[in-house]
Amino acid sequence: MLSYRHAFHAGNHADVLKHLVLVQLIRYLTQKDKPLWFVDTHAGAAAYALDEGYATKNAEYDSGIARLWERSDLPQPLADYVAEVRAFNGSGALRRYPGSPQLATQLLRAQDRLRLFELHSTESRLLQQYFRDEAPRVIAQAGDGFAGLQAVLPPPSRRALVLIDPSYEDKGDYRQVLAALRDAHKRFASGVYAVWYPQVQRRESRQFPDQLKQLQQKDWLHVSLSVKKPAASGYGLHGSGMFILNPPWLLPQALDATMPYLAKLLAQDAAAAFSLESKLA
């Protein structure tokens, strides 16, 4: 919804899962020399302060990235992710958190391209200001990312990673994600599509993973992380998931070695758990 500001949630457990997967995807996909396009349909403001403003209201990062910050025993995929967050902070103290666009700029190469969309008026203005000197490598647009996919797919290089992560505050987002994925897959079947979704007590959320699996019979991966039991009130985020179409074949192995550790570290009660399933060719 247009009232949503990601800064309230920057660095929380859902960001950790999303960006753990994103870092691994980009690392795998940039092993080939051919240019890669990164498309973010709901890019947000690119970067967030953790020591002032919205992020300090609930300090959700305290139960997310902060729990990983000083660990010396991280599995390699988590160490890769934390290294990127640390590189963004520079001084060593955890004061800022990189959104998906910033992480992508750190990991992508000179020949790669970023196409970023954001509908929220304030967020899109911040996004465009952030990348104002980066064209043509980075082009940030104020507008509907679902519609934007139609304009950029297929990319000239015929290689792309698409991240779709709306807020889902509007339950119609679930339907729009499915429609956008169907259309994108018709346009560009070989693209890698990563969909983030929240675990909330809403019928649409519970049904969503099975609906995503129906988009493609094989070559998909689904990972989810629940950090606590659902609230008795029926409100609030108790976990999240990532669904990837056409994942790199090594990704299931990397997550299988990582998710038990992450679920234990980010657990907020005894109901914390993870799931990992894939169907590859």
Protein backbone atom coordinates (compact mmCIF):
# COMPACT_ATOMS: atom_id res chain seq x y z
CA MET A 1 0.00 0.00 0.00
CA LEU A 2 1.11 3.58 -0.52
CA SER A 3 1.34 4.14 3.25
CA TYR A 4 4.03 1.44 3.65
CA ARG A 5 7.55 2.54 4.63
CA HIS A 6 10.15 -0.21 4.75
CA ALA A 7 12.40 1.82 7.06
CA PHE A 8 10.26 0.67 10.01
CA HIS A 9 11.34 -2.91 9.31
CA ALA A 10 14.87 -2.50 7.93
CA GLY A 11 17.22 -5.30 8.95
CA ASN A 12 14.55 -7.47 10.58
CA HIS A 13 14.33 -11.25 10.29
CA ALA A 14 12.47 -11.01 6.96
CA ASP A 15 15.21 -8.81 5.50
CA VAL A 16 17.83 -11.28 6.71
CA LEU A 17 16.17 -14.17 4.87
CA LYS A 18 15.48 -12.13 1.73
CA HIS A 19 18.96 -10.70 1.50
CA LEU A 20 20.72 -13.93 2.42
CA VAL A 21 19.06 -15.48 -0.64
CA LEU A 22 19.64 -12.39 -2.81
CA VAL A 23 23.37 -12.29 -2.10
CA GLN A 24 23.71 -15.97 -2.98
CA LEU A 25 21.71 -15.57 -6.19
CA ILE A 26 23.81 -12.66 -7.41
CA ARG A 27 27.06 -14.40 -6.50
CA TYR A 28 26.06 -17.46 -8.51
CA LEU A 29 24.72 -15.53 -11.49
CA THR A 30 27.76 -13.27 -11.84
CA GLN A 31 30.09 -16.22 -12.27
CA LYS A 32 29.34 -16.04 -16.00
CA ASP A 33 30.87 -13.20 -17.99
CA LYS A 34 27.69 -12.27 -19.85
CA PRO A 35 25.93 -9.16 -18.46
CA LEU A 36 23.18 -9.68 -15.91
CA TRP A 37 20.14 -7.45 -15.41
CA PHE A 38 18.76 -7.02 -11.90
CA VAL A 39 15.14 -5.89 -11.77
CA ASP A 40 13.53 -4.87 -8.46
CA THR A 41 9.80 -4.26 -8.71
CA HIS A 42 9.42 -2.71 -5.23
CA ALA A 43 12.83 -1.23 -4.56
CA GLY A 44 12.07 1.06 -1.63
CA ALA A 45 14.52 3.80 -0.68
CA ALA A 46 17.70 1.73 -1.33
CA ALA A 47 19.28 2.30 2.11
CA TYR A 48 18.14 2.92 5.68
CA ALA A 49 19.50 4.50 8.87
CA LEU A 50 19.20 2.23 11.90
CA ASP A 51 20.23 4.77 14.54
CA GLU A 52 17.65 7.45 13.74
CA GLY A 53 14.23 7.93 12.22
CA TYR A 54 11.71 5.19 11.47
CA ALA A 55 13.99 2.23 12.23
CA THR A 56 14.37 3.25 15.87
CA LYS A 57 10.62 3.07 16.60
CA ASN A 58 10.51 -0.71 17.04
CA ALA A 59 14.21 -1.47 16.43
CA GLU A 60 13.29 -4.61 14.51
CA TYR A 61 16.90 -4.98 13.39
CA ASP A 62 17.79 -5.95 16.99
CA SER A 63 16.13 -9.33 16.41
CA GLY A 64 17.46 -9.58 12.85
CA ILE A 65 20.82 -8.42 11.48
CA ALA A 66 22.07 -7.37 14.94
CA ARG A 67 22.00 -11.00 16.11
CA LEU A 68 24.44 -11.92 13.33
CA TRP A 69 26.67 -8.88 13.58
CA GLU A 70 29.31 -10.08 16.05
CA ARG A 71 29.10 -13.82 15.36
CA SER A 72 32.31 -15.60 14.35
CA ASP A 73 30.69 -18.96 13.57
CA LEU A 74 28.41 -18.01 10.67
CA PRO A 75 27.92 -20.54 7.86
CA GLN A 76 29.54 -19.21 4.69
CA PRO A 77 26.34 -17.97 2.99
CA LEU A 78 25.43 -15.95 6.09
CA ALA A 79 29.02 -14.70 6.37
CA ASP A 80 28.80 -13.51 2.75
CA TYR A 81 25.62 -11.59 3.50
CA VAL A 82 26.91 -10.02 6.72
CA ALA A 83 30.13 -9.03 4.92
CA GLU A 84 28.07 -6.98 2.45
CA VAL A 85 26.17 -5.24 5.26
CA ARG A 86 29.47 -4.59 7.03
CA ALA A 87 31.02 -3.16 3.86
CA PHE A 88 28.12 -0.72 3.62
CA ASN A 89 28.71 0.49 7.19
CA GLY A 90 32.42 1.04 6.80
CA SER A 91 33.26 2.06 10.38
CA GLY A 92 32.39 -1.32 11.85
CA ALA A 93 29.39 -0.21 13.90
CA LEU A 94 25.94 -1.26 12.69
CA ARG A 95 24.32 2.08 11.87
CA ARG A 96 22.95 1.60 8.35
CA TYR A 97 21.22 -1.17 6.49
CA PRO A 98 21.44 -1.71 2.71
CA GLY A 99 18.19 -2.41 0.90
CA SER A 100 18.09 -4.79 -2.05
CA PRO A 101 19.17 -2.12 -4.60
CA GLN A 102 22.25 -1.18 -2.58
CA LEU A 103 23.25 -4.81 -2.02
CA ALA A 104 22.87 -5.40 -5.75
CA THR A 105 25.08 -2.43 -6.64
CA GLN A 106 27.77 -3.79 -4.33
CA LEU A 107 27.69 -7.24 -5.89
CA LEU A 108 27.05 -6.56 -9.55
CA ARG A 109 29.77 -5.75 -12.06
CA ALA A 110 30.35 -2.81 -14.39
CA GLN A 111 28.73 -4.63 -17.32
CA ASP A 112 25.57 -5.47 -15.35
CA ARG A 113 22.45 -3.30 -15.22
CA LEU A 114 19.89 -2.45 -12.53
CA ARG A 115 16.31 -1.45 -13.26
CA LEU A 116 14.48 -0.32 -10.13
CA PHE A 117 10.82 0.56 -9.61
CA GLU A 118 9.03 2.12 -6.67
CA LEU A 119 5.45 3.41 -6.52
CA HIS A 120 5.43 5.20 -3.13
CA SER A 121 6.00 8.89 -3.84
CA THR A 122 8.44 9.55 -1.00
CA GLU A 123 10.32 6.29 -1.39
CA SER A 124 10.62 6.68 -5.16
CA ARG A 125 11.99 10.21 -4.76
CA LEU A 126 14.62 8.98 -2.31
CA LEU A 127 15.47 6.09 -4.63
CA GLN A 128 15.93 8.36 -7.63
CA GLN A 129 18.05 10.79 -5.64
CA TYR A 130 20.21 7.94 -4.35
CA PHE A 131 21.03 6.74 -7.86
CA ARG A 132 20.84 10.05 -9.71
CA ASP A 133 24.44 9.82 -11.00
CA GLU A 134 24.45 6.10 -11.81
CA ALA A 135 22.73 5.99 -15.24
CA PRO A 136 22.85 4.03 -17.49
CA ARG A 137 24.05 1.27 -15.14
CA VAL A 138 21.25 2.03 -12.68
CA ILE A 139 17.90 3.46 -13.71
CA ALA A 140 15.38 4.10 -10.92
CA GLN A 141 11.80 4.86 -11.93
CA ALA A 142 8.78 6.09 -10.01
CA GLY A 143 6.00 3.75 -10.96
CA ASP A 144 4.30 0.39 -10.75
CA GLY A 145 6.90 -2.36 -10.73
CA PHE A 146 4.42 -4.97 -11.93
CA ALA A 147 3.84 -2.91 -15.09
CA GLY A 148 7.55 -2.13 -15.29
CA LEU A 149 8.38 -5.79 -15.78
CA GLN A 150 6.59 -5.73 -19.11
CA ALA A 151 8.87 -2.94 -20.31
CA VAL A 152 12.21 -4.53 -19.39
CA LEU A 153 11.70 -8.22 -20.17
CA PRO A 154 13.37 -9.85 -21.92
CA PRO A 155 16.58 -7.88 -21.34
CA PRO A 156 19.08 -7.40 -24.19
CA SER A 157 21.59 -9.75 -22.53
CA ARG A 158 18.94 -12.48 -22.11
CA ARG A 159 20.04 -12.91 -18.48
CA ALA A 160 18.11 -11.44 -15.56
CA LEU A 161 17.37 -11.76 -11.87
CA VAL A 162 13.97 -10.32 -10.94
CA LEU A 163 13.11 -9.58 -7.30
CA ILE A 164 9.41 -9.17 -6.53
CA ASP A 165 8.73 -8.08 -2.95
CA PRO A 166 5.68 -5.88 -2.41
CA SER A 167 4.49 -5.14 1.12
CA TYR A 168 1.33 -7.30 0.78
CA GLU A 169 -0.50 -4.87 3.04
CA ASP A 170 -3.05 -4.90 0.25
CA LYS A 171 -4.17 -8.52 -0.11
CA GLY A 172 -4.54 -7.89 -3.84
CA ASP A 173 -0.72 -7.95 -4.04
CA TYR A 174 -0.78 -11.76 -3.89
CA ARG A 175 -2.94 -11.89 -6.99
CA GLN A 176 -0.84 -9.27 -8.76
CA VAL A 177 2.39 -11.15 -8.06
CA LEU A 178 0.99 -14.33 -9.58
CA ALA A 179 -0.28 -12.46 -12.65
CA ALA A 180 3.02 -10.62 -13.11
CA LEU A 181 4.99 -13.84 -12.83
CA ARG A 182 2.82 -15.62 -15.38
CA ASP A 183 3.27 -12.78 -17.84
CA ALA A 184 7.01 -12.45 -17.17
CA HIS A 185 7.54 -16.17 -17.60
CA LYS A 186 5.83 -16.07 -20.98
CA ARG A 187 8.05 -13.19 -22.05
CA PHE A 188 11.27 -14.60 -20.61
CA ALA A 189 11.07 -18.20 -19.42
CA SER A 190 14.77 -18.55 -18.58
CA GLY A 191 14.90 -15.63 -16.13
CA VAL A 192 15.52 -16.16 -12.43
CA TYR A 193 12.57 -14.88 -10.41
CA ALA A 194 12.78 -14.41 -6.64
CA VAL A 195 9.53 -13.70 -4.77
CA TRP A 196 9.44 -12.64 -1.13
CA TYR A 197 6.24 -13.02 0.87
CA PRO A 198 5.23 -12.51 4.52
CA GLN A 199 3.97 -15.18 6.88
CA VAL A 200 0.88 -13.60 8.41
CA GLN A 201 -2.49 -14.95 9.52
CA ARG A 202 -4.22 -14.28 6.26
CA ARG A 203 -5.68 -16.91 3.95
CA GLU A 204 -3.91 -15.44 0.94
CA SER A 205 -0.53 -15.80 2.64
CA ARG A 206 -1.12 -19.42 3.64
CA GLN A 207 -2.19 -20.39 0.12
CA PHE A 208 0.51 -18.43 -1.67
CA PRO A 209 3.39 -20.98 -1.69
CA ASP A 210 1.22 -23.68 -3.28
CA GLN A 211 -0.03 -21.20 -5.88
CA LEU A 212 3.56 -20.28 -6.74
CA LYS A 213 4.48 -23.95 -7.17
CA GLN A 214 1.78 -24.28 -9.81
CA LEU A 215 3.49 -21.73 -12.05
CA GLN A 216 6.17 -24.20 -13.09
CA GLN A 217 6.35 -27.98 -12.70
CA LYS A 218 10.05 -28.06 -11.95
CA ASP A 219 13.04 -25.77 -11.36
CA TRP A 220 11.81 -24.01 -8.25
CA LEU A 221 12.95 -23.58 -4.66
CA HIS A 222 10.96 -22.52 -1.62
CA VAL A 223 12.52 -21.53 1.70
CA SER A 224 10.68 -20.09 4.68
CA LEU A 225 11.61 -18.97 8.18
CA SER A 226 9.21 -18.61 11.11
CA VAL A 227 10.74 -16.89 14.14
CA LYS A 228 7.80 -17.19 16.54
CA LYS A 229 4.29 -18.50 16.90
CA PRO A 230 1.51 -16.42 15.33
CA ALA A 231 0.12 -13.75 17.64
CA ALA A 232 -3.14 -14.55 19.42
CA SER A 233 -4.52 -11.25 18.11
CA GLY A 234 -4.17 -12.51 14.54
CA TYR A 235 -1.96 -9.57 13.58
CA GLY A 236 1.75 -9.21 12.95
CA LEU A 237 4.54 -10.88 11.01
CA HIS A 238 5.79 -14.17 12.42
CA GLY A 239 7.98 -15.19 9.49
CA SER A 240 8.54 -14.92 5.76
CA GLY A 241 9.43 -16.94 2.70
CA MET A 242 11.34 -16.78 -0.55
CA PHE A 243 10.23 -18.61 -3.67
CA ILE A 244 12.65 -18.83 -6.60
CA LEU A 245 11.87 -19.90 -10.14
CA ASN A 246 14.91 -21.27 -12.05
CA PRO A 247 17.28 -21.22 -9.04
CA PRO A 248 20.99 -21.97 -9.43
CA TRP A 249 21.49 -25.66 -8.77
CA LEU A 250 23.87 -25.07 -5.85
CA LEU A 251 21.43 -22.87 -3.93
CA PRO A 252 19.51 -25.71 -2.21
CA GLN A 253 22.76 -27.10 -0.84
CA ALA A 254 23.87 -23.70 0.47
CA LEU A 255 20.55 -23.07 2.22
CA ASP A 256 20.36 -26.60 3.60
CA ALA A 257 23.63 -25.94 5.43
CA THR A 258 22.51 -22.51 6.62
CA MET A 259 18.85 -22.53 7.61
CA PRO A 260 19.11 -24.68 10.78
CA TYR A 261 21.65 -22.20 12.16
CA LEU A 262 19.59 -19.17 11.13
CA ALA A 263 16.34 -20.52 12.58
CA LYS A 264 18.05 -21.15 15.92
CA LEU A 265 19.78 -17.78 16.00
CA LEU A 266 16.73 -15.69 15.09
CA ALA A 267 14.23 -17.69 17.16
CA GLN A 268 11.98 -15.57 19.34
CA ASP A 269 10.19 -18.54 20.95
CA ALA A 270 10.00 -22.32 20.75
CA ALA A 271 7.81 -22.22 17.63
CA ALA A 272 10.67 -20.98 15.45
CA ALA A 273 11.27 -23.24 12.45
CA PHE A 274 12.28 -23.30 8.81
CA SER A 275 11.29 -25.21 5.71
CA LEU A 276 13.27 -25.85 2.56
CA GLU A 277 11.95 -27.66 -0.49
CA SER A 278 12.91 -27.70 -4.12
CA LYS A 279 12.05 -29.41 -7.36
CA LEU A 280 14.88 -29.18 -9.83
CA ALA A 281 15.34 -30.63 -13.28
